[in-house]
Amino acid sequence: MIIRDVKAEDNEKLLDIEKKSAQEGKIWFTSHRADFFEKSRFFREGFFLVAEDEKTGDLIGCAGAGYAYYSLKGERVKGVYLYGLRTNPKCRMKVARWLKALIEKMTETLRSSDGVFAYGSVKKDNDRSAKISQHIGLFPERVFNIYAVPVIHKPRVKGAIIDYAPNIKEVDSIYQQAAEGGDLVPLDLAETFLPTVLEQGRIRIMRYGSARALVWDTSGQTDFSIARLNGGLKWLQILFKGISASIPVIKVPSIGHPIKSWQVMELSYKTRKDGLKLVRAVHNAAWREKIHLLMFGEDSEDNLVRAILGTLAFSLPFQIVTIDRDNTPLNLNRIPLWPPTM
């Protein structure tokens, strides 16, 4: 076994591993994308490592790190996002060995960099990943809730405005303003992430009265599928499908099929009425573009977003894990909006 930098020709093997290694928990899901390295291009710099079986050429596992500038305690700080940790399902018995070697290599590389801290996110009910993050030495800090809502056929909302080609400065200002009141807000997106997605026409800003939503269309780019539902969620799936069959107004995700989604990275409002109207407008726009699922993000201490999503929203809590150069937690303040790195 060797630990090496990823190569362009590894793309298909990594995509195969990603599709077959479902993230566990109440909802097991896998990613579907055409380019495994697309996420890496959202960072100004970084690296991605793979563990390879020298005899067979099989990739045993992988993990990556991307550098960016974030808000942290009121300052602009260079941090490292840890992501893409996957194990080839065929190599489950080799996890301890390859993971130890990969962690040692990543730690050596990160220590020689100018990154001040590192962080990642782990689906809170994914016990296997949680144990790995603890083994690495990462400290659990805040919980960031992702709310998934099946798209519902809503009537058009008179007065709702959708900007399909927002100015890069306007989008960036949303993040800059959010940084004034919280941590882990990415501050260099105008140089990395935004030019690409704006050119692709994937970012839009929606407004109604005092309410605003920043939406990232990830459909066909980073789709995912539900591999398995556990516990009471199985009955929820049956219920949704029954409703959808009799009254076709809800786009219910099917097990094993790619799900097209929008990520609502920021949703704000001053009056509840405006917020509810805007959510309806988002549903209407998503329905017209054949989107299956809306994903909203919010710090677990907040309830402004969850309060206006309706009864069909279900929560996917993600544990934010961190570490600094002194091997201590960051003691994060509130995370005010969804970083596109998560």
Protein backbone atom coordinates (compact mmCIF):
# COMPACT_ATOMS: atom_id res chain seq x y z
CA MET A 1 0.00 0.00 0.00
CA ILE A 2 1.19 3.49 -0.86
CA ILE A 3 -0.12 6.97 -0.04
CA ARG A 4 0.19 9.33 -2.99
CA ASP A 5 -1.24 12.48 -4.52
CA VAL A 6 -4.33 12.00 -6.61
CA LYS A 7 -4.00 11.85 -10.41
CA ALA A 8 -6.44 12.91 -13.13
CA GLU A 9 -6.79 9.29 -14.24
CA ASP A 10 -8.13 8.38 -10.76
CA ASN A 11 -11.40 10.20 -11.49
CA GLU A 12 -13.51 7.20 -12.54
CA LYS A 13 -12.24 4.99 -9.70
CA LEU A 14 -12.98 7.71 -7.14
CA LEU A 15 -16.45 8.32 -8.55
CA ASP A 16 -17.15 4.60 -8.26
CA ILE A 17 -16.00 4.55 -4.62
CA GLU A 18 -18.13 7.59 -3.84
CA LYS A 19 -21.25 6.01 -5.32
CA LYS A 20 -20.74 2.73 -3.48
CA SER A 21 -19.69 4.08 -0.07
CA ALA A 22 -22.93 5.46 1.32
CA GLN A 23 -22.89 7.87 4.25
CA GLU A 24 -24.64 6.00 7.04
CA GLY A 25 -27.28 7.01 9.57
CA LYS A 26 -31.07 7.30 9.53
CA ILE A 27 -30.72 8.29 5.89
CA TRP A 28 -27.99 6.58 3.87
CA PHE A 29 -27.07 8.59 0.79
CA THR A 30 -24.46 8.53 -1.94
CA SER A 31 -23.17 11.20 -4.31
CA HIS A 32 -23.56 11.30 -8.08
CA ARG A 33 -21.30 13.58 -10.08
CA ALA A 34 -19.40 13.49 -13.34
CA ASP A 35 -16.21 15.06 -12.03
CA PHE A 36 -14.84 13.98 -8.65
CA PHE A 37 -12.43 16.93 -8.59
CA GLU A 38 -15.05 19.63 -9.10
CA LYS A 39 -15.26 20.46 -5.39
CA SER A 40 -11.49 20.81 -5.17
CA ARG A 41 -11.61 23.63 -7.71
CA PHE A 42 -13.60 25.78 -5.31
CA PHE A 43 -10.46 26.33 -3.20
CA ARG A 44 -7.50 28.60 -3.85
CA GLU A 45 -5.16 25.71 -3.04
CA GLY A 46 -5.16 22.29 -1.46
CA PHE A 47 -4.29 18.64 -1.94
CA PHE A 48 -5.99 15.28 -2.26
CA LEU A 49 -4.45 11.96 -1.25
CA VAL A 50 -5.32 8.37 -2.12
CA ALA A 51 -4.26 5.05 -0.63
CA GLU A 52 -3.46 2.57 -3.40
CA ASP A 53 -2.91 -1.19 -3.38
CA GLU A 54 0.34 -1.53 -5.30
CA LYS A 55 -0.38 -5.13 -6.33
CA THR A 56 -3.89 -4.67 -7.73
CA GLY A 57 -3.95 -0.95 -8.51
CA ASP A 58 -7.18 -0.62 -6.50
CA LEU A 59 -7.77 2.60 -4.59
CA ILE A 60 -8.38 1.71 -0.94
CA GLY A 61 -9.48 5.13 0.27
CA CYS A 62 -9.04 8.87 -0.12
CA ALA A 63 -9.27 12.24 1.65
CA GLY A 64 -8.55 15.86 0.78
CA ALA A 65 -7.94 19.33 2.18
CA GLY A 66 -8.79 22.74 0.74
CA TYR A 67 -7.45 26.11 1.94
CA ALA A 68 -9.61 29.22 2.23
CA TYR A 69 -10.01 32.35 4.34
CA TYR A 70 -12.74 32.38 6.99
CA SER A 71 -14.14 34.64 9.66
CA LEU A 72 -12.98 33.55 13.10
CA LYS A 73 -13.56 35.64 16.22
CA GLY A 74 -13.85 38.78 14.10
CA GLU A 75 -10.67 38.17 12.10
CA ARG A 76 -9.87 36.92 8.60
CA VAL A 77 -8.01 33.63 9.13
CA LYS A 78 -6.67 30.99 6.77
CA GLY A 79 -8.24 27.63 7.48
CA VAL A 80 -8.31 24.15 6.03
CA TYR A 81 -11.47 22.26 5.13
CA LEU A 82 -11.10 18.47 5.45
CA TYR A 83 -13.37 16.59 3.07
CA GLY A 84 -13.87 13.62 0.75
CA LEU A 85 -12.95 10.89 3.25
CA ARG A 86 -14.08 7.67 1.57
CA THR A 87 -13.25 3.98 1.87
CA ASN A 88 -13.55 1.50 -0.97
CA PRO A 89 -16.28 -0.94 0.24
CA LYS A 90 -14.10 -3.81 -1.00
CA CYS A 91 -11.37 -2.78 1.46
CA ARG A 92 -13.30 -2.43 4.73
CA MET A 93 -10.85 -4.71 6.54
CA LYS A 94 -7.94 -2.43 5.66
CA VAL A 95 -9.44 0.79 7.07
CA ALA A 96 -7.25 1.06 10.17
CA ARG A 97 -4.03 0.57 8.23
CA TRP A 98 -4.64 2.95 5.32
CA LEU A 99 -6.33 5.57 7.47
CA LYS A 100 -3.41 5.73 9.89
CA ALA A 101 -0.93 6.15 7.03
CA LEU A 102 -3.07 8.78 5.31
CA ILE A 103 -3.60 10.78 8.50
CA GLU A 104 0.14 10.84 9.14
CA LYS A 105 0.77 12.14 5.61
CA MET A 106 -2.00 14.76 5.83
CA THR A 107 -0.80 15.94 9.26
CA GLU A 108 2.74 16.33 7.96
CA THR A 109 1.53 18.37 4.99
CA LEU A 110 -0.83 20.54 7.04
CA ARG A 111 1.81 21.26 9.69
CA SER A 112 4.11 22.66 7.00
CA SER A 113 1.39 24.93 5.62
CA ASP A 114 0.27 28.36 6.83
CA GLY A 115 -3.24 27.21 7.75
CA VAL A 116 -4.23 28.28 11.27
CA PHE A 117 -6.97 25.72 11.84
CA ALA A 118 -8.73 22.78 10.23
CA TYR A 119 -12.39 21.78 10.23
CA GLY A 120 -14.79 19.28 8.76
CA SER A 121 -18.42 18.23 9.00
CA VAL A 122 -19.81 14.83 9.95
CA LYS A 123 -23.43 13.73 9.67
CA LYS A 124 -24.32 13.42 13.33
CA ASP A 125 -25.94 10.00 13.08
CA ASN A 126 -23.05 8.54 11.07
CA ASP A 127 -21.34 6.71 13.95
CA ARG A 128 -18.54 5.32 11.79
CA SER A 129 -17.46 8.75 10.53
CA ALA A 130 -17.84 10.27 14.01
CA LYS A 131 -15.43 7.68 15.42
CA ILE A 132 -12.94 8.39 12.63
CA SER A 133 -13.05 12.15 13.32
CA GLN A 134 -12.39 11.47 17.00
CA HIS A 135 -9.52 9.15 16.08
CA ILE A 136 -8.00 11.90 13.97
CA GLY A 137 -8.15 14.19 17.00
CA LEU A 138 -10.86 16.60 15.82
CA PHE A 139 -13.02 18.23 18.47
CA PRO A 140 -16.83 18.29 18.13
CA GLU A 141 -18.13 21.85 18.32
CA ARG A 142 -21.30 23.32 16.88
CA VAL A 143 -24.10 21.47 15.14
CA PHE A 144 -25.27 22.87 11.81
CA ASN A 145 -28.69 21.67 10.68
CA ILE A 146 -29.45 20.93 7.06
CA TYR A 147 -33.19 20.83 6.40
CA ALA A 148 -34.38 18.82 3.40
CA VAL A 149 -37.79 19.68 1.96
CA PRO A 150 -39.47 17.88 -0.98
CA VAL A 151 -40.42 20.40 -3.65
CA ILE A 152 -44.13 21.22 -3.56
CA HIS A 153 -46.18 22.62 -6.44
CA LYS A 154 -46.98 26.11 -5.18
CA PRO A 155 -48.74 28.92 -7.09
CA ARG A 156 -46.68 31.87 -8.27
CA VAL A 157 -46.10 34.54 -5.65
CA LYS A 158 -46.97 37.97 -6.97
CA GLY A 159 -44.21 40.42 -6.14
CA ALA A 160 -41.46 37.80 -5.80
CA ILE A 161 -38.26 38.73 -7.64
CA ILE A 162 -35.69 36.27 -8.99
CA ASP A 163 -32.29 37.50 -10.14
CA TYR A 164 -30.79 34.75 -12.29
CA ALA A 165 -27.59 36.68 -12.97
CA PRO A 166 -26.63 38.54 -9.78
CA ASN A 167 -23.52 40.67 -9.61
CA ILE A 168 -20.54 38.94 -7.99
CA LYS A 169 -20.09 41.85 -5.57
CA GLU A 170 -23.71 41.59 -4.43
CA VAL A 171 -23.40 37.86 -3.71
CA ASP A 172 -20.05 38.30 -1.98
CA SER A 173 -21.46 41.09 0.20
CA ILE A 174 -23.93 38.59 1.72
CA TYR A 175 -20.99 36.58 3.05
CA GLN A 176 -19.02 39.64 4.12
CA GLN A 177 -22.00 40.93 6.13
CA ALA A 178 -22.61 37.52 7.71
CA ALA A 179 -18.98 37.42 8.87
CA GLU A 180 -19.65 40.38 11.16
CA GLY A 181 -21.84 38.25 13.40
CA GLY A 182 -20.41 34.76 13.29
CA ASP A 183 -17.65 32.28 12.57
CA LEU A 184 -16.63 30.02 9.71
CA VAL A 185 -17.99 32.28 6.98
CA PRO A 186 -15.84 31.90 3.84
CA LEU A 187 -14.39 35.29 2.85
CA ASP A 188 -12.62 34.63 -0.45
CA LEU A 189 -15.46 33.21 -2.54
CA ALA A 190 -15.26 36.09 -5.01
CA GLU A 191 -11.83 34.75 -6.00
CA THR A 192 -12.60 31.04 -6.00
CA PHE A 193 -16.14 29.64 -5.88
CA LEU A 194 -18.34 32.46 -7.18
CA PRO A 195 -16.79 33.18 -10.62
CA THR A 196 -17.31 29.55 -11.67
CA VAL A 197 -20.89 29.07 -10.46
CA LEU A 198 -22.00 32.52 -11.63
CA GLU A 199 -20.63 31.83 -15.10
CA GLN A 200 -22.55 28.54 -15.08
CA GLY A 201 -25.75 30.40 -14.12
CA ARG A 202 -26.11 28.35 -10.93
CA ILE A 203 -26.51 31.19 -8.42
CA ARG A 204 -29.66 33.21 -8.03
CA ILE A 205 -30.96 35.69 -5.44
CA MET A 206 -34.67 35.61 -4.68
CA ARG A 207 -36.57 38.32 -2.81
CA TYR A 208 -40.00 39.06 -1.46
CA GLY A 209 -40.54 42.12 0.73
CA SER A 210 -38.04 41.94 3.59
CA ALA A 211 -37.06 38.33 2.79
CA ARG A 212 -34.04 37.19 0.76
CA ALA A 213 -32.72 33.78 -0.33
CA LEU A 214 -29.34 32.94 -1.83
CA VAL A 215 -29.80 29.78 -3.91
CA TRP A 216 -27.20 27.47 -5.45
CA ASP A 217 -28.53 25.16 -8.16
CA THR A 218 -26.50 21.94 -7.78
CA SER A 219 -28.73 19.82 -10.04
CA GLY A 220 -26.81 17.69 -12.52
CA GLN A 221 -23.58 18.78 -10.85
CA THR A 222 -23.59 17.20 -7.39
CA ASP A 223 -26.73 15.08 -7.28
CA PHE A 224 -27.13 12.40 -4.63
CA SER A 225 -29.40 9.43 -4.06
CA ILE A 226 -30.93 7.84 -0.97
CA ALA A 227 -29.50 4.35 -0.55
CA ARG A 228 -31.52 3.36 2.53
CA LEU A 229 -33.98 4.75 5.06
CA ASN A 230 -33.99 3.48 8.63
CA GLY A 231 -36.61 3.53 11.35
CA GLY A 232 -39.68 5.72 10.98
CA LEU A 233 -38.38 7.35 7.83
CA LYS A 234 -39.37 4.27 5.82
CA TRP A 235 -43.01 5.02 6.61
CA LEU A 236 -42.44 8.68 5.75
CA GLN A 237 -41.22 7.65 2.29
CA ILE A 238 -44.30 5.44 1.77
CA LEU A 239 -46.59 8.25 2.92
CA PHE A 240 -44.96 10.80 0.60
CA LYS A 241 -45.16 8.43 -2.37
CA GLY A 242 -48.83 7.78 -1.63
CA ILE A 243 -49.57 11.49 -1.55
CA SER A 244 -47.54 12.07 -4.71
CA ALA A 245 -49.37 9.30 -6.59
CA SER A 246 -52.85 10.49 -5.64
CA ILE A 247 -52.16 14.22 -5.67
CA PRO A 248 -49.14 14.98 -7.88
CA VAL A 249 -48.03 18.15 -6.11
CA ILE A 250 -44.92 16.84 -4.29
CA LYS A 251 -41.71 15.68 -5.96
CA VAL A 252 -40.84 12.70 -3.76
CA PRO A 253 -37.23 11.42 -4.07
CA SER A 254 -37.08 7.73 -5.06
CA ILE A 255 -34.70 5.29 -3.39
CA GLY A 256 -31.60 4.72 -5.51
CA HIS A 257 -32.35 7.41 -8.10
CA PRO A 258 -30.36 10.66 -8.48
CA ILE A 259 -32.01 13.58 -6.69
CA LYS A 260 -31.78 17.06 -8.19
CA SER A 261 -31.53 19.71 -5.49
CA TRP A 262 -31.08 23.38 -4.73
CA GLN A 263 -29.04 24.51 -1.75
CA VAL A 264 -30.50 27.60 -0.10
CA MET A 265 -27.32 28.85 1.52
CA GLU A 266 -28.87 31.92 3.12
CA LEU A 267 -32.48 32.70 3.99
CA SER A 268 -33.32 35.85 5.94
CA TYR A 269 -36.46 37.85 6.65
CA LYS A 270 -37.73 40.59 8.94
CA THR A 271 -41.38 39.56 9.03
CA ARG A 272 -42.63 35.97 9.13
CA LYS A 273 -45.20 36.70 6.40
CA ASP A 274 -42.44 37.74 3.97
CA GLY A 275 -40.40 34.66 4.85
CA LEU A 276 -43.33 32.31 4.20
CA LYS A 277 -44.10 34.00 0.89
CA LEU A 278 -40.50 33.71 -0.24
CA VAL A 279 -40.33 30.00 0.65
CA ARG A 280 -43.43 29.48 -1.51
CA ALA A 281 -41.76 31.37 -4.33
CA VAL A 282 -38.67 29.15 -4.04
CA HIS A 283 -40.88 26.05 -4.26
CA ASN A 284 -42.63 27.45 -7.32
CA ALA A 285 -39.37 28.20 -9.11
CA ALA A 286 -37.89 24.82 -8.19
CA TRP A 287 -41.00 22.96 -9.39
CA ARG A 288 -40.81 24.70 -12.78
CA GLU A 289 -37.16 23.62 -13.12
CA LYS A 290 -37.97 19.99 -12.17
CA ILE A 291 -36.02 20.06 -8.90
CA HIS A 292 -36.80 17.29 -6.38
CA LEU A 293 -35.46 18.64 -3.11
CA LEU A 294 -34.67 21.95 -1.41
CA MET A 295 -31.85 22.04 1.16
CA PHE A 296 -31.73 24.82 3.76
CA GLY A 297 -28.97 25.38 6.33
CA GLU A 298 -29.05 26.92 9.80
CA ASP A 299 -27.01 26.92 13.00
CA SER A 300 -28.67 24.65 15.57
CA GLU A 301 -29.13 27.57 17.99
CA ASP A 302 -31.28 29.43 15.45
CA ASN A 303 -34.86 28.75 14.41
CA LEU A 304 -35.67 31.43 11.85
CA VAL A 305 -35.30 29.13 8.86
CA ARG A 306 -36.88 26.00 10.35
CA ALA A 307 -39.85 28.04 11.57
CA ILE A 308 -41.08 28.77 8.03
CA LEU A 309 -40.32 25.52 6.18
CA GLY A 310 -43.50 23.62 7.01
CA THR A 311 -44.24 20.12 8.29
CA LEU A 312 -42.54 18.21 5.45
CA ALA A 313 -39.04 19.44 6.37
CA PHE A 314 -36.76 16.86 7.95
CA SER A 315 -33.46 17.58 9.65
CA LEU A 316 -29.96 16.31 8.82
CA PRO A 317 -27.77 17.55 11.70
CA PHE A 318 -24.07 17.87 10.89
CA GLN A 319 -21.45 18.01 13.63
CA ILE A 320 -18.77 20.62 12.92
CA VAL A 321 -15.39 19.30 14.08
CA THR A 322 -12.27 21.47 14.41
CA ILE A 323 -8.68 21.63 15.57
CA ASP A 324 -6.02 24.34 15.68
CA ARG A 325 -2.22 24.20 15.67
CA ASP A 326 -2.16 23.74 19.43
CA ASN A 327 -4.43 20.69 19.12
CA THR A 328 -7.30 22.51 20.84
CA PRO A 329 -10.87 23.31 19.74
CA LEU A 330 -11.73 26.69 18.23
CA ASN A 331 -14.74 27.34 20.51
CA LEU A 332 -16.73 28.55 17.54
CA ASN A 333 -19.38 31.22 17.74
CA ARG A 334 -22.62 30.89 15.80
CA ILE A 335 -22.29 29.88 12.13
CA PRO A 336 -24.64 32.34 10.38
CA LEU A 337 -24.90 30.76 6.93
CA TRP A 338 -24.13 27.62 4.97
CA PRO A 339 -20.57 27.56 3.62
CA PRO A 340 -20.52 26.05 0.10
CA THR A 341 -17.66 23.81 1.25
CA MET A 342 -19.94 21.69 3.45
